């Protein structure tokens, strides 16, 4: 059942974004930035954690989770090191995600050739 909930949630978010892309002049960069900010705002309001608990990987694979991780890292850094910890915390929490994206992108770039 968790797989179905995760699929429906992430699919619904992707559907909404695709409809916005198809019917407006909004670019993919705007969508990405907007979802990241929405994730941070929902995390600030205490909602995104509940979404992750309910939908599992369906909520953690979306770009909105990046905003959630930035916010959570900043809060943790602030609690541990004060104001300077905001900046270090923002980079420590999502750091693993960023490194894995870069490494896997590099691997798939080597393995597959882009179509012209």
C-alpha atoms as a PDB file:
ATOM      1  CA  UNK A   1       0.000   0.000   0.000  1.00  0.00           C
ATOM      2  CA  UNK A   2       2.904   2.348   0.744  1.00  0.00           C
ATOM      3  CA  UNK A   3       4.188   1.919  -2.824  1.00  0.00           C
ATOM      4  CA  UNK A   4       0.803   2.919  -4.212  1.00  0.00           C
ATOM      5  CA  UNK A   5       0.572   5.993  -1.956  1.00  0.00           C
ATOM      6  CA  UNK A   6       4.105   7.059  -2.898  1.00  0.00           C
ATOM      7  CA  UNK A   7       3.403   6.582  -6.606  1.00  0.00           C
ATOM      8  CA  UNK A   8       0.129   8.494  -6.502  1.00  0.00           C
ATOM      9  CA  UNK A   9       1.564  11.394  -4.496  1.00  0.00           C
ATOM     10  CA  UNK A  10       4.681  11.908  -6.597  1.00  0.00           C
ATOM     11  CA  UNK A  11       2.708  11.305  -9.793  1.00  0.00           C
ATOM     12  CA  UNK A  12       0.166  13.924  -8.782  1.00  0.00           C
ATOM     13  CA  UNK A  13       2.900  16.501  -8.139  1.00  0.00           C
ATOM     14  CA  UNK A  14       4.497  15.683 -11.502  1.00  0.00           C
ATOM     15  CA  UNK A  15       1.110  15.919 -13.232  1.00  0.00           C
ATOM     16  CA  UNK A  16       0.440  19.352 -11.736  1.00  0.00           C
ATOM     17  CA  UNK A  17       3.872  20.595 -12.774  1.00  0.00           C
ATOM     18  CA  UNK A  18       3.490  19.201 -16.293  1.00  0.00           C
ATOM     19  CA  UNK A  19       0.108  20.885 -16.723  1.00  0.00           C
ATOM     20  CA  UNK A  20       1.663  24.168 -15.580  1.00  0.00           C
ATOM     21  CA  UNK A  21       4.569  23.731 -18.016  1.00  0.00           C
ATOM     22  CA  UNK A  22       2.275  22.898 -20.934  1.00  0.00           C
ATOM     23  CA  UNK A  23      -0.213  25.719 -20.392  1.00  0.00           C
ATOM     24  CA  UNK A  24       1.934  28.647 -19.246  1.00  0.00           C
ATOM     25  CA  UNK A  25       5.218  30.282 -20.135  1.00  0.00           C
ATOM     26  CA  UNK A  26       6.796  29.000 -16.921  1.00  0.00           C
ATOM     27  CA  UNK A  27      10.148  27.290 -17.483  1.00  0.00           C
ATOM     28  CA  UNK A  28      11.432  24.114 -15.797  1.00  0.00           C
ATOM     29  CA  UNK A  29      13.801  26.310 -13.776  1.00  0.00           C
ATOM     30  CA  UNK A  30      10.854  28.216 -12.361  1.00  0.00           C
ATOM     31  CA  UNK A  31       9.108  24.972 -11.414  1.00  0.00           C
ATOM     32  CA  UNK A  32      12.255  23.617  -9.753  1.00  0.00           C
ATOM     33  CA  UNK A  33      12.806  26.789  -7.744  1.00  0.00           C
ATOM     34  CA  UNK A  34       9.156  27.011  -6.769  1.00  0.00           C
ATOM     35  CA  UNK A  35       9.008  23.414  -5.557  1.00  0.00           C
ATOM     36  CA  UNK A  36      12.199  23.882  -3.530  1.00  0.00           C
ATOM     37  CA  UNK A  37      10.779  26.976  -1.842  1.00  0.00           C
ATOM     38  CA  UNK A  38       7.441  25.245  -1.234  1.00  0.00           C
ATOM     39  CA  UNK A  39       9.293  22.341   0.394  1.00  0.00           C
ATOM     40  CA  UNK A  40      11.131  24.734   2.712  1.00  0.00           C
ATOM     41  CA  UNK A  41       7.930  26.592   3.597  1.00  0.00           C
ATOM     42  CA  UNK A  42       6.054  23.364   4.308  1.00  0.00           C
ATOM     43  CA  UNK A  43       8.959  22.216   6.447  1.00  0.00           C
ATOM     44  CA  UNK A  44       8.873  25.506   8.372  1.00  0.00           C
ATOM     45  CA  UNK A  45       5.156  25.012   9.004  1.00  0.00           C
ATOM     46  CA  UNK A  46       5.775  21.430  10.174  1.00  0.00           C
ATOM     47  CA  UNK A  47       3.779  19.915   7.331  1.00  0.00           C
ATOM     48  CA  UNK A  48       6.478  18.385   5.130  1.00  0.00           C
ATOM     49  CA  UNK A  49       7.623  15.929   7.814  1.00  0.00           C
ATOM     50  CA  UNK A  50       4.073  14.618   8.060  1.00  0.00           C
ATOM     51  CA  UNK A  51       3.929  14.312   4.269  1.00  0.00           C
ATOM     52  CA  UNK A  52       7.138  12.255   4.327  1.00  0.00           C
ATOM     53  CA  UNK A  53       5.734  10.051   7.088  1.00  0.00           C
ATOM     54  CA  UNK A  54       2.554   9.464   5.097  1.00  0.00           C
ATOM     55  CA  UNK A  55       3.946   9.049   1.565  1.00  0.00           C
ATOM     56  CA  UNK A  56       7.505   7.867   2.234  1.00  0.00           C
ATOM     57  CA  UNK A  57       9.742   7.820  -0.826  1.00  0.00           C
ATOM     58  CA  UNK A  58       7.013   9.495  -2.872  1.00  0.00           C
ATOM     59  CA  UNK A  59       7.781  12.692  -0.965  1.00  0.00           C
ATOM     60  CA  UNK A  60      11.530  12.266  -0.547  1.00  0.00           C
ATOM     61  CA  UNK A  61      12.421  11.875  -4.226  1.00  0.00           C
ATOM     62  CA  UNK A  62      10.810  15.136  -5.290  1.00  0.00           C
ATOM     63  CA  UNK A  63      12.769  18.375  -5.598  1.00  0.00           C
ATOM     64  CA  UNK A  64      10.607  19.818  -2.830  1.00  0.00           C
ATOM     65  CA  UNK A  65      12.464  17.503  -0.460  1.00  0.00           C
ATOM     66  CA  UNK A  66      15.612  19.511  -1.211  1.00  0.00           C
ATOM     67  CA  UNK A  67      13.985  22.591   0.321  1.00  0.00           C
ATOM     68  CA  UNK A  68      12.929  20.468   3.284  1.00  0.00           C
ATOM     69  CA  UNK A  69      16.496  19.200   3.761  1.00  0.00           C
ATOM     70  CA  UNK A  70      17.932  22.721   3.491  1.00  0.00           C
ATOM     71  CA  UNK A  71      15.544  23.968   6.159  1.00  0.00           C
ATOM     72  CA  UNK A  72      16.123  21.031   8.496  1.00  0.00           C
ATOM     73  CA  UNK A  73      19.898  21.357   8.077  1.00  0.00           C
ATOM     74  CA  UNK A  74      19.775  25.082   8.802  1.00  0.00           C
ATOM     75  CA  UNK A  75      17.727  24.543  11.968  1.00  0.00           C
ATOM     76  CA  UNK A  76      20.062  21.786  13.169  1.00  0.00           C
ATOM     77  CA  UNK A  77      23.117  23.928  12.437  1.00  0.00           C
ATOM     78  CA  UNK A  78      21.610  26.886  14.281  1.00  0.00           C
ATOM     79  CA  UNK A  79      20.859  24.758  17.333  1.00  0.00           C
ATOM     80  CA  UNK A  80      24.397  23.345  17.391  1.00  0.00           C
ATOM     81  CA  UNK A  81      26.566  26.315  16.372  1.00  0.00           C
ATOM     82  CA  UNK A  82      24.436  29.450  16.488  1.00  0.00           C
ATOM     83  CA  UNK A  83      23.962  31.830  13.574  1.00  0.00           C
ATOM     84  CA  UNK A  84      27.027  30.617  11.657  1.00  0.00           C
ATOM     85  CA  UNK A  85      25.683  27.074  11.922  1.00  0.00           C
ATOM     86  CA  UNK A  86      22.791  28.014   9.641  1.00  0.00           C
ATOM     87  CA  UNK A  87      25.113  28.051   6.639  1.00  0.00           C
ATOM     88  CA  UNK A  88      27.132  24.971   7.565  1.00  0.00           C
ATOM     89  CA  UNK A  89      23.987  23.023   8.434  1.00  0.00           C
ATOM     90  CA  UNK A  90      22.370  23.856   5.111  1.00  0.00           C
ATOM     91  CA  UNK A  91      25.245  22.159   3.328  1.00  0.00           C
ATOM     92  CA  UNK A  92      25.700  19.160   5.597  1.00  0.00           C
ATOM     93  CA  UNK A  93      22.182  17.723   5.404  1.00  0.00           C
ATOM     94  CA  UNK A  94      21.620  17.730   1.621  1.00  0.00           C
ATOM     95  CA  UNK A  95      25.304  17.123   0.900  1.00  0.00           C
ATOM     96  CA  UNK A  96      24.848  13.377   0.468  1.00  0.00           C
ATOM     97  CA  UNK A  97      22.007  13.922  -1.976  1.00  0.00           C
ATOM     98  CA  UNK A  98      24.015  16.370  -4.034  1.00  0.00           C
ATOM     99  CA  UNK A  99      27.044  14.106  -4.168  1.00  0.00           C
ATOM    100  CA  UNK A 100      24.948  11.114  -5.210  1.00  0.00           C
ATOM    101  CA  UNK A 101      23.237  13.140  -7.954  1.00  0.00           C
ATOM    102  CA  UNK A 102      26.595  14.267  -9.328  1.00  0.00           C
ATOM    103  CA  UNK A 103      28.145  10.780  -9.177  1.00  0.00           C
ATOM    104  CA  UNK A 104      25.168   8.991 -10.762  1.00  0.00           C
ATOM    105  CA  UNK A 105      24.829  11.676 -13.440  1.00  0.00           C
ATOM    106  CA  UNK A 106      28.483  11.197 -14.306  1.00  0.00           C
ATOM    107  CA  UNK A 107      28.096   7.409 -14.459  1.00  0.00           C
ATOM    108  CA  UNK A 108      25.005   7.569 -16.682  1.00  0.00           C
ATOM    109  CA  UNK A 109      26.689  10.134 -18.908  1.00  0.00           C
ATOM    110  CA  UNK A 110      29.518   7.684 -19.502  1.00  0.00           C
ATOM    111  CA  UNK A 111      27.217   4.717 -20.035  1.00  0.00           C
ATOM    112  CA  UNK A 112      24.675   6.301 -22.380  1.00  0.00           C
ATOM    113  CA  UNK A 113      25.064   8.577 -25.361  1.00  0.00           C
ATOM    114  CA  UNK A 114      22.677  11.523 -25.704  1.00  0.00           C
ATOM    115  CA  UNK A 115      20.581  11.666 -28.844  1.00  0.00           C
ATOM    116  CA  UNK A 116      21.273  14.601 -31.148  1.00  0.00           C
END
